[in-house]
N, C-alpha and C. Protein backbone atom coordinates (compact mmCIF):
# COMPACT_ATOMS: atom_id res chain seq x y z
N MET A 1 21.51 62.95 -23.00
CA MET A 1 20.46 63.91 -23.20
C MET A 1 20.64 64.62 -24.52
N ALA A 2 19.61 64.62 -25.34
CA ALA A 2 19.65 65.34 -26.60
C ALA A 2 19.42 66.81 -26.33
N GLU A 3 20.12 67.64 -27.06
CA GLU A 3 19.96 69.07 -26.86
C GLU A 3 19.94 69.76 -28.20
N ALA A 4 18.93 70.59 -28.42
CA ALA A 4 18.86 71.37 -29.65
C ALA A 4 19.89 72.48 -29.56
N GLY A 5 20.86 72.45 -30.44
CA GLY A 5 21.89 73.48 -30.44
C GLY A 5 21.59 74.56 -31.45
N ALA A 6 22.59 75.37 -31.73
CA ALA A 6 22.43 76.46 -32.68
C ALA A 6 21.99 75.92 -34.03
N GLY A 7 20.98 76.55 -34.60
CA GLY A 7 20.52 76.17 -35.93
C GLY A 7 19.68 74.91 -35.97
N VAL A 8 19.51 74.22 -34.84
CA VAL A 8 18.72 73.00 -34.81
C VAL A 8 17.30 73.36 -34.40
N PRO A 9 16.32 73.17 -35.31
CA PRO A 9 14.95 73.53 -34.95
C PRO A 9 14.41 72.64 -33.85
N LEU A 10 13.57 73.23 -33.01
CA LEU A 10 12.94 72.48 -31.94
C LEU A 10 11.45 72.39 -32.21
N ARG A 11 10.90 71.22 -32.00
CA ARG A 11 9.48 70.97 -32.15
C ARG A 11 9.05 70.00 -31.07
N LEU A 12 8.12 70.45 -30.24
CA LEU A 12 7.52 69.61 -29.21
C LEU A 12 6.04 69.49 -29.52
N GLU A 13 5.46 68.34 -29.25
CA GLU A 13 4.04 68.15 -29.53
C GLU A 13 3.32 67.65 -28.30
N THR A 14 2.11 68.16 -28.11
CA THR A 14 1.21 67.69 -27.06
C THR A 14 -0.06 67.22 -27.76
N SER A 15 -1.05 66.83 -26.98
CA SER A 15 -2.28 66.35 -27.61
C SER A 15 -2.97 67.44 -28.43
N ARG A 16 -2.86 68.71 -28.01
CA ARG A 16 -3.56 69.78 -28.73
C ARG A 16 -2.66 70.85 -29.33
N LEU A 17 -1.36 70.80 -29.05
CA LEU A 17 -0.46 71.87 -29.46
C LEU A 17 0.80 71.36 -30.14
N ILE A 18 1.35 72.22 -30.98
CA ILE A 18 2.70 72.08 -31.51
C ILE A 18 3.48 73.29 -31.00
N LEU A 19 4.59 73.05 -30.34
CA LEU A 19 5.50 74.09 -29.89
C LEU A 19 6.68 74.06 -30.83
N ARG A 20 6.90 75.14 -31.54
CA ARG A 20 7.97 75.18 -32.54
C ARG A 20 8.65 76.53 -32.52
N ASP A 21 9.82 76.58 -33.13
CA ASP A 21 10.53 77.85 -33.24
C ASP A 21 9.69 78.83 -34.08
N PHE A 22 9.78 80.10 -33.73
CA PHE A 22 9.11 81.14 -34.50
C PHE A 22 9.76 81.28 -35.87
N VAL A 23 8.96 81.70 -36.85
CA VAL A 23 9.43 82.02 -38.19
C VAL A 23 8.90 83.41 -38.55
N ALA A 24 9.51 84.04 -39.56
CA ALA A 24 9.12 85.40 -39.94
C ALA A 24 7.64 85.50 -40.31
N GLU A 25 7.09 84.44 -40.87
CA GLU A 25 5.68 84.45 -41.29
C GLU A 25 4.71 84.49 -40.11
N ASP A 26 5.20 84.38 -38.90
CA ASP A 26 4.35 84.43 -37.71
C ASP A 26 4.02 85.86 -37.27
N GLU A 27 4.58 86.85 -37.95
CA GLU A 27 4.49 88.23 -37.46
C GLU A 27 3.06 88.70 -37.19
N ALA A 28 2.14 88.50 -38.10
CA ALA A 28 0.76 88.99 -37.90
C ALA A 28 0.11 88.32 -36.70
N ALA A 29 0.29 87.02 -36.57
CA ALA A 29 -0.33 86.29 -35.45
C ALA A 29 0.28 86.70 -34.12
N VAL A 30 1.59 86.89 -34.08
CA VAL A 30 2.25 87.33 -32.85
C VAL A 30 1.79 88.74 -32.50
N HIS A 31 1.73 89.60 -33.49
CA HIS A 31 1.34 90.98 -33.22
C HIS A 31 -0.10 91.05 -32.70
N GLU A 32 -0.93 90.13 -33.13
CA GLU A 32 -2.33 90.14 -32.66
C GLU A 32 -2.40 90.05 -31.14
N TYR A 33 -1.62 89.15 -30.53
CA TYR A 33 -1.67 89.07 -29.06
C TYR A 33 -0.69 90.03 -28.39
N ALA A 34 0.45 90.29 -29.03
CA ALA A 34 1.46 91.14 -28.42
C ALA A 34 1.06 92.62 -28.39
N SER A 35 0.08 93.00 -29.17
CA SER A 35 -0.38 94.39 -29.19
C SER A 35 -1.64 94.59 -28.35
N ASP A 36 -2.15 93.53 -27.76
CA ASP A 36 -3.39 93.59 -26.96
C ASP A 36 -3.06 94.08 -25.55
N PRO A 37 -3.58 95.25 -25.15
CA PRO A 37 -3.27 95.78 -23.82
C PRO A 37 -3.68 94.84 -22.68
N GLU A 38 -4.73 94.09 -22.86
CA GLU A 38 -5.16 93.17 -21.80
C GLU A 38 -4.19 91.99 -21.68
N VAL A 39 -3.71 91.49 -22.80
CA VAL A 39 -2.75 90.37 -22.80
C VAL A 39 -1.43 90.81 -22.15
N THR A 40 -1.00 92.02 -22.42
CA THR A 40 0.31 92.49 -21.96
C THR A 40 0.27 93.26 -20.64
N ARG A 41 -0.89 93.34 -20.04
CA ARG A 41 -1.04 94.15 -18.82
C ARG A 41 -0.03 93.76 -17.74
N HIS A 42 0.23 92.48 -17.55
CA HIS A 42 1.14 92.02 -16.49
C HIS A 42 2.54 91.67 -17.01
N MET A 43 2.77 91.90 -18.29
CA MET A 43 4.07 91.58 -18.89
C MET A 43 5.06 92.73 -18.67
N LEU A 44 6.34 92.42 -18.82
CA LEU A 44 7.37 93.45 -18.74
C LEU A 44 7.45 94.24 -20.03
N TRP A 45 6.77 93.80 -21.06
CA TRP A 45 6.80 94.41 -22.38
C TRP A 45 5.36 94.68 -22.83
N GLY A 46 5.26 95.43 -23.90
CA GLY A 46 3.98 95.63 -24.56
C GLY A 46 3.10 96.68 -23.92
N PRO A 47 1.98 96.96 -24.55
CA PRO A 47 1.58 96.41 -25.85
C PRO A 47 2.54 96.84 -26.95
N ASN A 48 2.84 95.92 -27.85
CA ASN A 48 3.84 96.15 -28.89
C ASN A 48 3.31 96.97 -30.05
N THR A 49 4.21 97.76 -30.61
CA THR A 49 3.98 98.35 -31.92
C THR A 49 4.33 97.27 -32.95
N GLU A 50 3.98 97.50 -34.20
CA GLU A 50 4.37 96.53 -35.24
C GLU A 50 5.89 96.40 -35.31
N ALA A 51 6.60 97.49 -35.15
CA ALA A 51 8.07 97.46 -35.20
C ALA A 51 8.64 96.64 -34.04
N GLU A 52 8.05 96.74 -32.85
CA GLU A 52 8.52 95.96 -31.70
C GLU A 52 8.28 94.48 -31.90
N THR A 53 7.13 94.12 -32.46
CA THR A 53 6.86 92.71 -32.74
C THR A 53 7.85 92.17 -33.77
N ARG A 54 8.09 92.94 -34.82
CA ARG A 54 9.04 92.52 -35.86
C ARG A 54 10.43 92.35 -35.27
N GLU A 55 10.85 93.28 -34.38
CA GLU A 55 12.17 93.21 -33.75
C GLU A 55 12.27 91.98 -32.86
N PHE A 56 11.20 91.65 -32.11
CA PHE A 56 11.19 90.44 -31.29
C PHE A 56 11.42 89.21 -32.17
N LEU A 57 10.70 89.11 -33.27
CA LEU A 57 10.86 87.95 -34.14
C LEU A 57 12.25 87.89 -34.75
N GLN A 58 12.78 89.02 -35.20
CA GLN A 58 14.13 89.03 -35.77
C GLN A 58 15.16 88.59 -34.75
N ARG A 59 15.03 89.09 -33.51
CA ARG A 59 15.96 88.72 -32.44
C ARG A 59 15.84 87.23 -32.11
N THR A 60 14.61 86.74 -32.03
CA THR A 60 14.36 85.34 -31.67
C THR A 60 14.86 84.40 -32.76
N ILE A 61 14.55 84.73 -34.00
CA ILE A 61 15.01 83.89 -35.12
C ILE A 61 16.53 83.98 -35.25
N GLY A 62 17.09 85.17 -35.06
CA GLY A 62 18.54 85.35 -35.13
C GLY A 62 19.29 84.58 -34.08
N ALA A 63 18.67 84.40 -32.90
CA ALA A 63 19.33 83.66 -31.81
C ALA A 63 19.59 82.21 -32.19
N LEU A 64 18.82 81.69 -33.14
CA LEU A 64 19.03 80.31 -33.58
C LEU A 64 20.32 80.15 -34.36
N GLN A 65 20.89 81.25 -34.85
CA GLN A 65 22.12 81.19 -35.65
C GLN A 65 23.38 81.32 -34.81
N VAL A 66 23.21 81.59 -33.51
CA VAL A 66 24.37 81.75 -32.63
C VAL A 66 24.99 80.39 -32.37
N GLU A 67 26.29 80.33 -32.45
CA GLU A 67 26.97 79.05 -32.23
C GLU A 67 27.02 78.71 -30.75
N GLY A 68 27.13 77.43 -30.48
CA GLY A 68 27.22 76.97 -29.11
C GLY A 68 25.89 76.44 -28.61
N PRO A 69 25.87 75.96 -27.38
CA PRO A 69 24.63 75.42 -26.83
C PRO A 69 23.53 76.48 -26.78
N ARG A 70 22.38 76.08 -27.11
CA ARG A 70 21.24 77.00 -27.13
C ARG A 70 20.86 77.37 -25.70
N GLN A 71 20.69 78.67 -25.46
CA GLN A 71 20.34 79.17 -24.14
C GLN A 71 18.89 79.62 -24.04
N VAL A 72 18.31 79.99 -25.18
CA VAL A 72 16.95 80.52 -25.20
C VAL A 72 16.08 79.65 -26.11
N TYR A 73 14.97 79.25 -25.57
CA TYR A 73 13.98 78.46 -26.31
C TYR A 73 12.68 79.25 -26.31
N GLU A 74 12.51 80.16 -27.27
CA GLU A 74 11.27 80.92 -27.46
C GLU A 74 10.48 80.21 -28.53
N LEU A 75 9.31 79.70 -28.17
CA LEU A 75 8.56 78.85 -29.08
C LEU A 75 7.16 79.37 -29.33
N ALA A 76 6.70 79.20 -30.57
CA ALA A 76 5.33 79.53 -30.95
C ALA A 76 4.43 78.39 -30.50
N LEU A 77 3.24 78.75 -30.01
CA LEU A 77 2.22 77.76 -29.65
C LEU A 77 1.22 77.71 -30.78
N VAL A 78 1.14 76.56 -31.44
CA VAL A 78 0.25 76.40 -32.58
C VAL A 78 -0.78 75.33 -32.24
N ARG A 79 -2.04 75.69 -32.38
CA ARG A 79 -3.12 74.74 -32.11
C ARG A 79 -3.16 73.71 -33.24
N ARG A 80 -3.12 72.43 -32.88
CA ARG A 80 -3.09 71.36 -33.87
C ARG A 80 -4.38 71.29 -34.68
N SER A 81 -5.51 71.58 -34.07
CA SER A 81 -6.79 71.40 -34.75
C SER A 81 -6.97 72.31 -35.96
N ASP A 82 -6.39 73.51 -35.93
CA ASP A 82 -6.59 74.44 -37.04
C ASP A 82 -5.31 75.14 -37.50
N GLY A 83 -4.16 74.83 -36.91
CA GLY A 83 -2.89 75.42 -37.31
C GLY A 83 -2.72 76.87 -36.91
N ARG A 84 -3.58 77.38 -36.04
CA ARG A 84 -3.54 78.78 -35.62
C ARG A 84 -2.49 78.99 -34.53
N LEU A 85 -1.65 80.01 -34.69
CA LEU A 85 -0.69 80.39 -33.66
C LEU A 85 -1.47 81.14 -32.58
N ILE A 86 -1.44 80.63 -31.35
CA ILE A 86 -2.25 81.20 -30.27
C ILE A 86 -1.43 81.82 -29.15
N GLY A 87 -0.12 81.80 -29.26
CA GLY A 87 0.71 82.39 -28.22
C GLY A 87 2.15 81.97 -28.34
N GLY A 88 2.88 82.23 -27.27
CA GLY A 88 4.28 81.87 -27.23
C GLY A 88 4.65 81.41 -25.83
N CYS A 89 5.73 80.64 -25.75
CA CYS A 89 6.23 80.18 -24.46
C CYS A 89 7.74 80.02 -24.57
N GLY A 90 8.39 79.92 -23.45
CA GLY A 90 9.83 79.80 -23.54
C GLY A 90 10.51 79.35 -22.27
N LEU A 91 11.71 78.86 -22.46
CA LEU A 91 12.65 78.55 -21.39
C LEU A 91 13.90 79.36 -21.67
N HIS A 92 14.36 80.08 -20.66
CA HIS A 92 15.60 80.85 -20.76
C HIS A 92 16.58 80.27 -19.76
N ARG A 93 17.60 79.60 -20.29
CA ARG A 93 18.57 78.94 -19.42
C ARG A 93 19.46 79.93 -18.70
N GLU A 94 19.81 79.55 -17.48
CA GLU A 94 20.79 80.28 -16.68
C GLU A 94 21.84 79.27 -16.29
N GLY A 95 22.94 79.28 -17.00
CA GLY A 95 23.96 78.27 -16.77
C GLY A 95 23.48 76.93 -17.28
N THR A 96 23.89 75.88 -16.59
CA THR A 96 23.53 74.53 -17.05
C THR A 96 22.44 73.88 -16.22
N ALA A 97 22.08 74.46 -15.08
CA ALA A 97 21.19 73.75 -14.17
C ALA A 97 19.81 74.39 -13.98
N ALA A 98 19.61 75.63 -14.42
CA ALA A 98 18.35 76.31 -14.14
C ALA A 98 17.86 77.03 -15.38
N ALA A 99 16.54 77.27 -15.41
CA ALA A 99 15.94 78.04 -16.49
C ALA A 99 14.67 78.71 -15.98
N GLU A 100 14.35 79.83 -16.61
CA GLU A 100 13.11 80.54 -16.31
C GLU A 100 12.07 80.19 -17.37
N LEU A 101 10.87 79.88 -16.92
CA LEU A 101 9.75 79.52 -17.77
C LEU A 101 8.85 80.74 -17.97
N GLY A 102 8.34 80.91 -19.18
CA GLY A 102 7.39 81.99 -19.44
C GLY A 102 6.39 81.57 -20.50
N TYR A 103 5.25 82.26 -20.54
CA TYR A 103 4.20 81.96 -21.52
C TYR A 103 3.31 83.18 -21.67
N CYS A 104 2.72 83.30 -22.85
CA CYS A 104 1.81 84.39 -23.16
C CYS A 104 0.86 83.90 -24.24
N LEU A 105 -0.44 83.97 -23.98
CA LEU A 105 -1.43 83.45 -24.92
C LEU A 105 -2.43 84.52 -25.33
N SER A 106 -2.95 84.36 -26.53
CA SER A 106 -4.01 85.24 -27.02
C SER A 106 -5.19 85.18 -26.07
N ARG A 107 -5.82 86.31 -25.86
CA ARG A 107 -6.93 86.41 -24.92
C ARG A 107 -8.07 85.45 -25.27
N GLY A 108 -8.32 85.21 -26.54
CA GLY A 108 -9.41 84.34 -26.96
C GLY A 108 -9.27 82.89 -26.57
N VAL A 109 -8.09 82.48 -26.11
CA VAL A 109 -7.90 81.07 -25.71
C VAL A 109 -7.61 80.92 -24.22
N TRP A 110 -7.72 82.01 -23.47
CA TRP A 110 -7.51 81.93 -22.02
C TRP A 110 -8.53 80.97 -21.40
N GLY A 111 -8.11 80.29 -20.36
CA GLY A 111 -9.00 79.43 -19.60
C GLY A 111 -9.31 78.09 -20.25
N GLN A 112 -8.58 77.73 -21.30
CA GLN A 112 -8.84 76.47 -22.00
C GLN A 112 -7.75 75.42 -21.76
N GLY A 113 -6.81 75.73 -20.86
CA GLY A 113 -5.77 74.77 -20.51
C GLY A 113 -4.56 74.75 -21.42
N TYR A 114 -4.50 75.62 -22.40
CA TYR A 114 -3.36 75.61 -23.32
C TYR A 114 -2.06 76.03 -22.63
N ALA A 115 -2.12 77.00 -21.73
CA ALA A 115 -0.90 77.44 -21.04
C ALA A 115 -0.31 76.31 -20.21
N VAL A 116 -1.16 75.59 -19.48
CA VAL A 116 -0.69 74.46 -18.68
C VAL A 116 -0.09 73.39 -19.58
N GLU A 117 -0.77 73.07 -20.67
CA GLU A 117 -0.30 72.03 -21.59
C GLU A 117 1.06 72.39 -22.18
N ALA A 118 1.21 73.63 -22.61
CA ALA A 118 2.49 74.07 -23.18
C ALA A 118 3.59 74.09 -22.13
N ALA A 119 3.27 74.62 -20.96
CA ALA A 119 4.27 74.70 -19.89
C ALA A 119 4.70 73.32 -19.43
N GLN A 120 3.76 72.37 -19.36
CA GLN A 120 4.13 70.99 -18.99
C GLN A 120 5.12 70.41 -19.99
N ALA A 121 4.90 70.67 -21.27
CA ALA A 121 5.81 70.16 -22.31
C ALA A 121 7.20 70.78 -22.14
N LEU A 122 7.26 72.07 -21.84
CA LEU A 122 8.56 72.72 -21.65
C LEU A 122 9.26 72.24 -20.39
N VAL A 123 8.51 72.03 -19.33
CA VAL A 123 9.11 71.52 -18.09
C VAL A 123 9.69 70.12 -18.33
N ARG A 124 8.92 69.25 -18.97
CA ARG A 124 9.43 67.90 -19.29
C ARG A 124 10.69 67.99 -20.15
N PHE A 125 10.65 68.84 -21.18
CA PHE A 125 11.81 69.03 -22.05
C PHE A 125 13.02 69.53 -21.25
N GLY A 126 12.79 70.51 -20.40
CA GLY A 126 13.89 71.07 -19.61
C GLY A 126 14.56 70.05 -18.71
N PHE A 127 13.76 69.23 -18.06
CA PHE A 127 14.34 68.24 -17.15
C PHE A 127 14.89 67.03 -17.92
N ALA A 128 14.12 66.49 -18.85
CA ALA A 128 14.52 65.26 -19.54
C ALA A 128 15.59 65.48 -20.60
N GLU A 129 15.48 66.54 -21.37
CA GLU A 129 16.39 66.73 -22.50
C GLU A 129 17.55 67.68 -22.20
N LEU A 130 17.30 68.70 -21.38
CA LEU A 130 18.37 69.66 -21.09
C LEU A 130 19.10 69.34 -19.79
N GLY A 131 18.56 68.41 -19.01
CA GLY A 131 19.21 68.03 -17.76
C GLY A 131 19.16 69.11 -16.70
N LEU A 132 18.14 69.95 -16.74
CA LEU A 132 18.02 71.02 -15.74
C LEU A 132 17.71 70.44 -14.37
N HIS A 133 18.09 71.16 -13.36
CA HIS A 133 17.77 70.79 -11.97
C HIS A 133 16.59 71.60 -11.46
N ARG A 134 16.46 72.85 -11.91
CA ARG A 134 15.44 73.77 -11.38
C ARG A 134 14.85 74.60 -12.50
N ILE A 135 13.53 74.71 -12.50
CA ILE A 135 12.83 75.61 -13.41
C ILE A 135 11.98 76.53 -12.55
N TYR A 136 12.08 77.83 -12.83
CA TYR A 136 11.30 78.78 -12.04
C TYR A 136 10.51 79.70 -12.97
N ALA A 137 9.55 80.38 -12.38
CA ALA A 137 8.73 81.34 -13.12
C ALA A 137 8.30 82.44 -12.16
N LYS A 138 8.04 83.61 -12.72
CA LYS A 138 7.58 84.75 -11.92
C LYS A 138 6.34 85.34 -12.58
N CYS A 139 5.49 85.96 -11.77
CA CYS A 139 4.36 86.71 -12.30
C CYS A 139 3.98 87.80 -11.31
N ARG A 140 3.24 88.78 -11.80
CA ARG A 140 2.73 89.81 -10.91
C ARG A 140 1.65 89.19 -10.02
N PRO A 141 1.56 89.59 -8.77
CA PRO A 141 0.57 89.01 -7.85
C PRO A 141 -0.88 89.12 -8.34
N ALA A 142 -1.19 90.13 -9.13
CA ALA A 142 -2.56 90.28 -9.64
C ALA A 142 -2.85 89.36 -10.82
N ASN A 143 -1.84 88.69 -11.34
CA ASN A 143 -2.02 87.80 -12.50
C ASN A 143 -2.41 86.40 -12.02
N VAL A 144 -3.64 86.29 -11.56
CA VAL A 144 -4.14 85.05 -10.98
C VAL A 144 -4.04 83.89 -11.96
N GLY A 145 -4.40 84.12 -13.22
CA GLY A 145 -4.33 83.06 -14.22
C GLY A 145 -2.94 82.48 -14.34
N SER A 146 -1.92 83.34 -14.29
CA SER A 146 -0.55 82.86 -14.43
C SER A 146 -0.12 82.04 -13.23
N TYR A 147 -0.37 82.51 -12.02
CA TYR A 147 0.10 81.70 -10.89
C TYR A 147 -0.72 80.42 -10.72
N ARG A 148 -1.94 80.40 -11.22
CA ARG A 148 -2.69 79.14 -11.22
C ARG A 148 -2.07 78.12 -12.17
N VAL A 149 -1.56 78.60 -13.31
CA VAL A 149 -0.84 77.71 -14.23
C VAL A 149 0.36 77.11 -13.51
N MET A 150 1.12 77.92 -12.81
CA MET A 150 2.30 77.43 -12.10
C MET A 150 1.93 76.40 -11.05
N GLU A 151 0.86 76.65 -10.33
CA GLU A 151 0.42 75.71 -9.31
C GLU A 151 -0.05 74.39 -9.93
N LYS A 152 -0.72 74.45 -11.08
CA LYS A 152 -1.15 73.22 -11.76
C LYS A 152 0.04 72.41 -12.26
N LEU A 153 1.15 73.07 -12.50
CA LEU A 153 2.38 72.38 -12.91
C LEU A 153 3.07 71.69 -11.73
N GLY A 154 2.60 71.96 -10.53
CA GLY A 154 3.25 71.43 -9.34
C GLY A 154 4.36 72.32 -8.82
N MET A 155 4.45 73.53 -9.33
CA MET A 155 5.47 74.46 -8.85
C MET A 155 5.10 74.94 -7.45
N GLN A 156 6.12 75.19 -6.66
CA GLN A 156 5.95 75.67 -5.29
C GLN A 156 6.19 77.17 -5.24
N ARG A 157 5.35 77.87 -4.50
CA ARG A 157 5.56 79.31 -4.33
C ARG A 157 6.72 79.49 -3.35
N GLU A 158 7.76 80.18 -3.82
CA GLU A 158 8.93 80.43 -2.98
C GLU A 158 8.80 81.74 -2.22
N GLY A 159 8.07 82.68 -2.78
CA GLY A 159 7.93 83.94 -2.06
C GLY A 159 7.53 85.09 -2.95
N LEU A 160 7.59 86.26 -2.34
CA LEU A 160 7.25 87.50 -3.00
C LEU A 160 8.51 88.35 -3.12
N LEU A 161 8.82 88.76 -4.33
CA LEU A 161 9.93 89.68 -4.57
C LEU A 161 9.32 91.08 -4.57
N ARG A 162 9.60 91.84 -3.54
CA ARG A 162 8.96 93.14 -3.35
C ARG A 162 9.63 94.22 -4.19
N GLU A 163 8.81 94.89 -5.00
CA GLU A 163 9.25 96.02 -5.82
C GLU A 163 10.65 95.83 -6.41
N HIS A 164 10.85 94.69 -7.03
CA HIS A 164 12.17 94.40 -7.59
C HIS A 164 12.30 94.80 -9.06
N LEU A 165 11.18 95.17 -9.70
CA LEU A 165 11.22 95.56 -11.10
C LEU A 165 10.63 96.95 -11.29
N HIS A 166 11.32 97.77 -12.04
CA HIS A 166 10.77 99.07 -12.41
C HIS A 166 10.52 99.05 -13.91
N VAL A 167 9.26 98.85 -14.28
CA VAL A 167 8.87 98.81 -15.69
C VAL A 167 7.56 99.57 -15.86
N LYS A 168 7.37 100.08 -17.06
CA LYS A 168 6.16 100.82 -17.40
C LYS A 168 5.88 101.92 -16.39
N GLY A 169 6.97 102.55 -15.89
CA GLY A 169 6.85 103.71 -15.04
C GLY A 169 6.52 103.45 -13.58
N ALA A 170 6.61 102.21 -13.14
CA ALA A 170 6.26 101.91 -11.74
C ALA A 170 7.08 100.72 -11.24
N TRP A 171 7.17 100.63 -9.90
CA TRP A 171 7.81 99.48 -9.26
C TRP A 171 6.78 98.36 -9.14
N HIS A 172 7.24 97.11 -9.36
CA HIS A 172 6.34 95.96 -9.35
C HIS A 172 6.88 94.84 -8.48
N ASP A 173 5.97 94.18 -7.80
CA ASP A 173 6.26 92.95 -7.06
C ASP A 173 6.13 91.77 -8.01
N SER A 174 6.75 90.65 -7.65
CA SER A 174 6.57 89.40 -8.39
C SER A 174 6.45 88.25 -7.42
N LEU A 175 5.59 87.30 -7.77
CA LEU A 175 5.56 86.02 -7.08
C LEU A 175 6.58 85.12 -7.75
N LEU A 176 7.30 84.35 -6.97
CA LEU A 176 8.33 83.45 -7.49
C LEU A 176 7.92 82.02 -7.19
N TYR A 177 7.87 81.21 -8.23
CA TYR A 177 7.53 79.78 -8.13
C TYR A 177 8.68 78.97 -8.72
N SER A 178 8.81 77.71 -8.28
CA SER A 178 9.81 76.83 -8.89
C SER A 178 9.40 75.38 -8.74
N ILE A 179 10.05 74.56 -9.54
CA ILE A 179 9.91 73.11 -9.46
C ILE A 179 11.30 72.52 -9.71
N LEU A 180 11.60 71.44 -9.01
CA LEU A 180 12.88 70.76 -9.12
C LEU A 180 12.71 69.46 -9.88
N ALA A 181 13.77 69.00 -10.52
CA ALA A 181 13.69 67.79 -11.35
C ALA A 181 13.15 66.60 -10.56
N HIS A 182 13.56 66.44 -9.31
CA HIS A 182 13.11 65.27 -8.55
C HIS A 182 11.67 65.39 -8.07
N GLU A 183 11.02 66.51 -8.32
CA GLU A 183 9.61 66.70 -7.92
C GLU A 183 8.62 66.31 -9.01
N ILE A 184 9.13 65.95 -10.16
CA ILE A 184 8.25 65.55 -11.27
C ILE A 184 7.79 64.11 -11.10
């Protein structure tokens, strides 16, 4: 299994998207969606200030310089047709066998299948290239679009995590979904 390690850029391609590592020049495009209150309503972060977006990019780009096996794959979603950055997605490894999947897209591209397409590419990468056994994802129960993406990926709903997160001044529930390597 090939694995992108420290300093090794990652690039995945689908029919409509390029998933690549973020670069400093992405700041304006990232801030466009990361500062949108509607986009970040169900996220643990945001809406971002310009400084918070810049700090996210610095942290993400800096993580590529850490030695050893890569644990975090935070990738920009770039539309192939026009080169526009339309969101971000990621896999965060937990040990060698599991990872958490996440995605966030600009509001203007919601409902066009980009989240499913990007997530499918990451799931394939996680199982085929990283040798993962389990990939899971969480979302707030009111985030219908997000859990529909998980269901389209073939993920199974494992349950409801009741008030397990205290963010943005309140306790929040999460739906937990997962898919196993042998289910692909």
